[in-house]
Amino acid sequence: MSLKMNQFATLVDIIARLRAPGGCPWDRKQTHTSLRENLLAECYEVLEALDEGNSERLCDELGDLLMQIVLHAQIAAEAGEFKLGDVISSINTKLIHRHPHIFGSVEVRDAEEVALNWEALKQEEREDDTSILDSVPRQMPALGYSHEIQRRVVQVGFDWENIEGVIDKLTEEVSELKQADSQELKAQEFGDLLFTLVNIARRLGVDSEAALREANRRFYRRFAYMEEVCRQRGVNFGDLSFDEQNSLWEEAKRGVE
């Protein structure tokens, strides 16, 4: 059998065959629910490839993510829920509706005005009694969710006038955290502090989720460096004093980006 490996239809046919009677036992066993973790993992692997700037890996990971989408569509088609064509029709319709400056007669000045129009068009699509925050997935990572709901409310004018006001708020939140006298209150004030930090990141054009991922990676690389230095010097990291560990950390910061 000759397959055109660069054709989307080939992927659709492969997934259908894997799910068909006599197909792959693992694929046939899967449901929307059982694939949740797989879908999330593939999304994170795409993000990691983006953070690395690795285009070859990004190409591969996007393929894995696309496979998950087609697999969900196949499961839905078998259950009579919807077909892959419905998925494609839905996104095509949505894209055309939300780009009237391309597919219609609306004129825009810049990307910022496009974003404002996008939110206005999304509001038209919502039921009258729904919040502009309802469509933000609550299962998003907390920093990303915080960034998105703050971005949404800015579109309707709910925001500080300048970043100085947000920084003043950050100082206030730090003070309230210091004064918290119960574990419950400490957790609440710490959450408020994180929320304010995300607001500052948004205003600076920083993706807080990506920034924290990169900080985690830097910490990992530097701590691994310290472990390797200790192995080379024949010492146990846990036996070092705080000052010795701190000195080694400064060495790691100089030696590892």
Protein backbone atom coordinates (compact mmCIF):
# COMPACT_ATOMS: atom_id res chain seq x y z
CA MET A 1 0.00 0.00 0.00
CA SER A 2 1.41 3.37 -1.04
CA LEU A 3 0.66 6.20 1.39
CA LYS A 4 1.16 9.91 0.81
CA MET A 5 2.87 10.66 4.10
CA ASN A 6 2.56 14.45 3.83
CA GLN A 7 -1.22 14.38 3.39
CA PHE A 8 -3.64 15.17 6.24
CA ALA A 9 -6.07 12.59 4.81
CA THR A 10 -3.44 9.89 5.36
CA LEU A 11 -3.32 10.68 9.08
CA VAL A 12 -7.12 10.54 9.26
CA ASP A 13 -7.13 7.16 7.51
CA ILE A 14 -4.40 5.77 9.80
CA ILE A 15 -6.31 6.79 12.94
CA ALA A 16 -9.54 5.31 11.57
CA ARG A 17 -7.76 2.02 10.81
CA LEU A 18 -6.20 1.89 14.28
CA ARG A 19 -9.67 2.33 15.80
CA ALA A 20 -11.43 -0.13 13.47
CA PRO A 21 -12.27 -3.75 14.35
CA GLY A 22 -9.03 -5.70 14.16
CA GLY A 23 -7.05 -2.50 14.71
CA CYS A 24 -4.70 -1.61 17.55
CA PRO A 25 -6.01 -2.83 20.96
CA TRP A 26 -4.65 0.25 22.74
CA ASP A 27 -6.16 2.76 20.31
CA ARG A 28 -9.51 0.94 20.28
CA LYS A 29 -9.65 1.08 24.06
CA GLN A 30 -9.24 4.86 24.32
CA THR A 31 -12.00 7.34 25.17
CA HIS A 32 -12.16 11.13 25.43
CA THR A 33 -11.58 10.77 29.18
CA SER A 34 -8.69 8.31 29.00
CA LEU A 35 -6.84 10.56 26.56
CA ARG A 36 -7.01 13.70 28.72
CA GLU A 37 -3.54 13.27 30.22
CA ASN A 38 -2.04 12.37 26.82
CA LEU A 39 -3.47 15.53 25.27
CA LEU A 40 -2.14 17.69 28.10
CA ALA A 41 1.30 16.06 27.94
CA GLU A 42 1.53 16.69 24.19
CA CYS A 43 0.62 20.36 24.73
CA TYR A 44 3.41 20.71 27.28
CA GLU A 45 5.89 19.04 24.95
CA VAL A 46 4.98 21.55 22.25
CA LEU A 47 5.58 24.36 24.76
CA GLU A 48 8.95 22.89 25.71
CA ALA A 49 10.00 22.75 22.06
CA LEU A 50 8.95 26.40 21.67
CA ASP A 51 10.91 27.41 24.78
CA GLU A 52 13.97 25.59 23.45
CA GLY A 53 13.64 27.26 20.05
CA ASN A 54 14.06 23.80 18.55
CA SER A 55 12.19 23.87 15.22
CA GLU A 56 12.92 20.22 14.41
CA ARG A 57 11.45 19.08 17.72
CA LEU A 58 8.56 21.53 17.35
CA CYS A 59 7.67 19.94 14.01
CA ASP A 60 7.64 16.50 15.63
CA GLU A 61 5.65 17.58 18.70
CA LEU A 62 3.04 19.39 16.62
CA GLY A 63 2.51 16.12 14.78
CA ASP A 64 1.93 14.32 18.08
CA LEU A 65 -0.57 17.01 19.11
CA LEU A 66 -2.35 16.82 15.76
CA MET A 67 -2.65 13.06 16.20
CA GLN A 68 -4.44 13.62 19.50
CA ILE A 69 -6.92 15.98 17.83
CA VAL A 70 -7.69 13.55 15.03
CA LEU A 71 -8.02 10.70 17.52
CA HIS A 72 -10.58 12.65 19.57
CA ALA A 73 -12.47 13.50 16.38
CA GLN A 74 -12.51 9.83 15.35
CA ILE A 75 -13.84 8.76 18.75
CA ALA A 76 -16.54 11.42 18.51
CA ALA A 77 -17.51 10.32 14.99
CA GLU A 78 -17.86 6.70 16.12
CA ALA A 79 -20.15 7.83 18.95
CA GLY A 80 -22.24 9.98 16.61
CA GLU A 81 -21.22 13.18 18.44
CA PHE A 82 -19.58 15.08 15.59
CA LYS A 83 -17.23 14.51 12.67
CA LEU A 84 -13.80 15.89 11.85
CA GLY A 85 -15.40 18.01 9.14
CA ASP A 86 -17.55 19.67 11.83
CA VAL A 87 -14.42 20.57 13.78
CA ILE A 88 -12.83 22.13 10.70
CA SER A 89 -16.05 23.90 9.70
CA SER A 90 -16.41 25.36 13.19
CA ILE A 91 -12.92 26.85 13.34
CA ASN A 92 -13.11 28.15 9.76
CA THR A 93 -16.41 29.90 10.51
CA LYS A 94 -15.01 31.34 13.73
CA LEU A 95 -11.85 32.65 12.09
CA ILE A 96 -13.74 34.36 9.29
CA HIS A 97 -16.22 35.92 11.72
CA ARG A 98 -13.47 37.24 13.99
CA HIS A 99 -11.40 38.72 11.14
CA PRO A 100 -13.81 41.15 9.45
CA HIS A 101 -10.81 43.35 8.60
CA ILE A 102 -9.61 40.53 6.32
CA PHE A 103 -12.82 38.87 5.13
CA GLY A 104 -15.08 41.91 5.37
CA SER A 105 -15.03 45.69 5.08
CA VAL A 106 -13.88 46.62 8.61
CA GLU A 107 -10.69 48.69 8.78
CA VAL A 108 -8.20 48.54 11.66
CA ARG A 109 -5.14 50.60 12.53
CA ASP A 110 -2.96 48.03 14.28
CA ALA A 111 -2.76 44.70 16.11
CA GLU A 112 -4.09 46.29 19.31
CA GLU A 113 -7.32 47.31 17.58
CA VAL A 114 -7.60 43.80 16.12
CA ALA A 115 -7.41 42.39 19.65
CA LEU A 116 -10.13 44.77 20.86
CA ASN A 117 -12.39 43.82 17.95
CA TRP A 118 -11.71 40.13 18.61
CA GLU A 119 -12.97 40.46 22.18
CA ALA A 120 -16.03 42.41 21.05
CA LEU A 121 -16.89 39.73 18.49
CA LYS A 122 -16.42 36.99 21.10
CA GLN A 123 -18.81 38.88 23.35
CA GLU A 124 -21.41 38.83 20.57
CA GLU A 125 -21.10 35.03 20.44
CA ARG A 126 -21.77 34.64 24.18
CA GLU A 127 -25.11 34.23 25.86
CA ASP A 128 -26.36 37.47 27.44
CA ASP A 129 -26.06 36.14 31.00
CA THR A 130 -22.50 34.79 30.75
CA SER A 131 -19.29 36.33 32.03
CA ILE A 132 -16.41 37.27 29.73
CA LEU A 133 -14.34 34.97 31.96
CA ASP A 134 -16.52 31.88 31.48
CA SER A 135 -14.69 30.63 28.40
CA VAL A 136 -11.26 30.64 30.07
CA PRO A 137 -10.51 26.97 30.91
CA ARG A 138 -10.31 26.60 34.68
CA GLN A 139 -7.91 23.68 34.30
CA MET A 140 -5.21 25.90 32.81
CA PRO A 141 -2.02 26.20 34.89
CA ALA A 142 -2.75 28.80 37.56
CA LEU A 143 -0.29 31.43 36.30
CA GLY A 144 -1.57 31.13 32.75
CA TYR A 145 -5.17 31.29 33.92
CA SER A 146 -4.42 34.39 35.99
CA HIS A 147 -2.77 36.06 32.99
CA GLU A 148 -5.72 35.28 30.72
CA ILE A 149 -8.49 36.47 33.04
CA GLN A 150 -6.56 39.68 33.70
CA ARG A 151 -6.10 40.18 29.96
CA ARG A 152 -9.84 39.67 29.42
CA VAL A 153 -10.95 42.28 31.97
CA VAL A 154 -8.48 44.82 30.59
CA GLN A 155 -10.47 44.67 27.33
CA VAL A 156 -13.43 46.24 29.17
CA GLY A 157 -11.30 48.86 30.96
CA PHE A 158 -10.78 47.18 34.34
CA ASP A 159 -7.10 47.92 34.94
CA TRP A 160 -4.65 50.14 36.75
CA GLU A 161 -3.78 53.39 34.97
CA ASN A 162 -0.05 52.63 35.08
CA ILE A 163 2.40 49.99 36.27
CA GLU A 164 3.41 52.12 39.26
CA GLY A 165 -0.02 51.51 40.76
CA VAL A 166 0.46 47.76 40.37
CA ILE A 167 3.90 47.89 41.97
CA ASP A 168 2.43 49.84 44.91
CA LYS A 169 -0.17 47.07 45.16
CA LEU A 170 2.65 44.50 45.20
CA THR A 171 4.24 46.28 48.17
CA GLU A 172 0.88 46.26 49.92
CA GLU A 173 0.45 42.52 49.29
CA VAL A 174 3.94 41.76 50.66
CA SER A 175 3.06 43.71 53.82
CA GLU A 176 -0.22 41.82 54.21
CA LEU A 177 1.57 38.49 53.77
CA LYS A 178 4.01 39.41 56.54
CA GLN A 179 1.12 40.27 58.85
CA ALA A 180 -0.92 37.12 58.14
CA ASP A 181 -1.37 35.25 61.43
CA SER A 182 -2.91 31.97 60.27
CA GLN A 183 -2.04 29.36 57.65
CA GLU A 184 -5.28 30.02 55.82
CA LEU A 185 -4.65 33.76 55.70
CA LYS A 186 -1.03 33.23 54.64
CA ALA A 187 -2.19 31.08 51.71
CA GLN A 188 -4.76 33.72 50.73
CA GLU A 189 -2.30 36.60 50.89
CA PHE A 190 0.34 34.61 49.00
CA GLY A 191 -2.23 33.99 46.25
CA ASP A 192 -2.95 37.73 46.08
CA LEU A 193 0.80 38.36 45.83
CA LEU A 194 1.17 35.92 42.92
CA PHE A 195 -1.87 37.44 41.19
CA THR A 196 -0.29 40.90 41.41
CA LEU A 197 3.04 39.60 40.09
CA VAL A 198 1.21 38.15 37.07
CA ASN A 199 -0.35 41.58 36.49
CA ILE A 200 3.10 43.17 36.48
CA ALA A 201 4.40 40.49 34.09
CA ARG A 202 1.47 41.10 31.73
CA ARG A 203 2.17 44.82 31.66
CA LEU A 204 5.85 44.18 30.95
CA GLY A 205 4.96 41.85 28.09
CA VAL A 206 6.32 38.85 30.01
CA ASP A 207 4.61 35.45 29.86
CA SER A 208 4.64 34.57 33.57
CA GLU A 209 4.16 30.84 32.91
CA ALA A 210 7.09 30.77 30.46
CA ALA A 211 9.23 32.94 32.75
CA LEU A 212 8.70 30.56 35.67
CA ARG A 213 9.43 27.54 33.47
CA GLU A 214 12.71 29.13 32.44
CA ALA A 215 13.54 30.01 36.06
CA ASN A 216 12.88 26.36 36.97
CA ARG A 217 15.22 25.22 34.20
CA ARG A 218 17.95 27.62 35.34
CA PHE A 219 17.63 26.33 38.89
CA TYR A 220 17.79 22.73 37.66
CA ARG A 221 20.93 23.38 35.59
CA ARG A 222 22.67 25.25 38.41
CA PHE A 223 21.80 22.72 41.10
CA ALA A 224 22.95 19.88 38.85
CA TYR A 225 26.20 21.83 38.36
CA MET A 226 26.67 22.02 42.15
CA GLU A 227 26.06 18.29 42.48
CA GLU A 228 28.64 17.55 39.80
CA VAL A 229 31.20 19.86 41.44
CA CYS A 230 30.66 18.09 44.76
CA ARG A 231 31.18 14.69 43.09
CA GLN A 232 34.40 15.92 41.49
CA ARG A 233 35.65 17.32 44.82
CA GLY A 234 34.63 14.21 46.74
CA VAL A 235 32.26 16.00 49.11
CA ASN A 236 28.63 15.47 50.08
CA PHE A 237 26.48 18.50 49.26
CA GLY A 238 24.30 17.89 52.32
CA ASP A 239 27.36 18.07 54.59
CA LEU A 240 28.27 21.59 53.46
CA SER A 241 27.42 24.55 55.69
CA PHE A 242 24.90 27.12 54.49
CA ASP A 243 27.69 29.55 53.63
CA GLU A 244 29.55 26.86 51.68
CA GLN A 245 26.39 25.91 49.78
CA ASN A 246 25.66 29.56 49.05
CA SER A 247 29.21 30.08 47.80
CA LEU A 248 28.84 27.05 45.53
CA TRP A 249 25.51 28.45 44.27
CA GLU A 250 27.22 31.71 43.30
CA GLU A 251 29.86 29.66 41.47
CA ALA A 252 27.08 27.80 39.64
CA LYS A 253 25.43 31.10 38.65
CA ARG A 254 28.69 32.23 37.10
CA GLY A 255 29.26 28.90 35.36
CA VAL A 256 25.74 28.10 34.11
CA GLU A 257 23.34 30.31 32.19
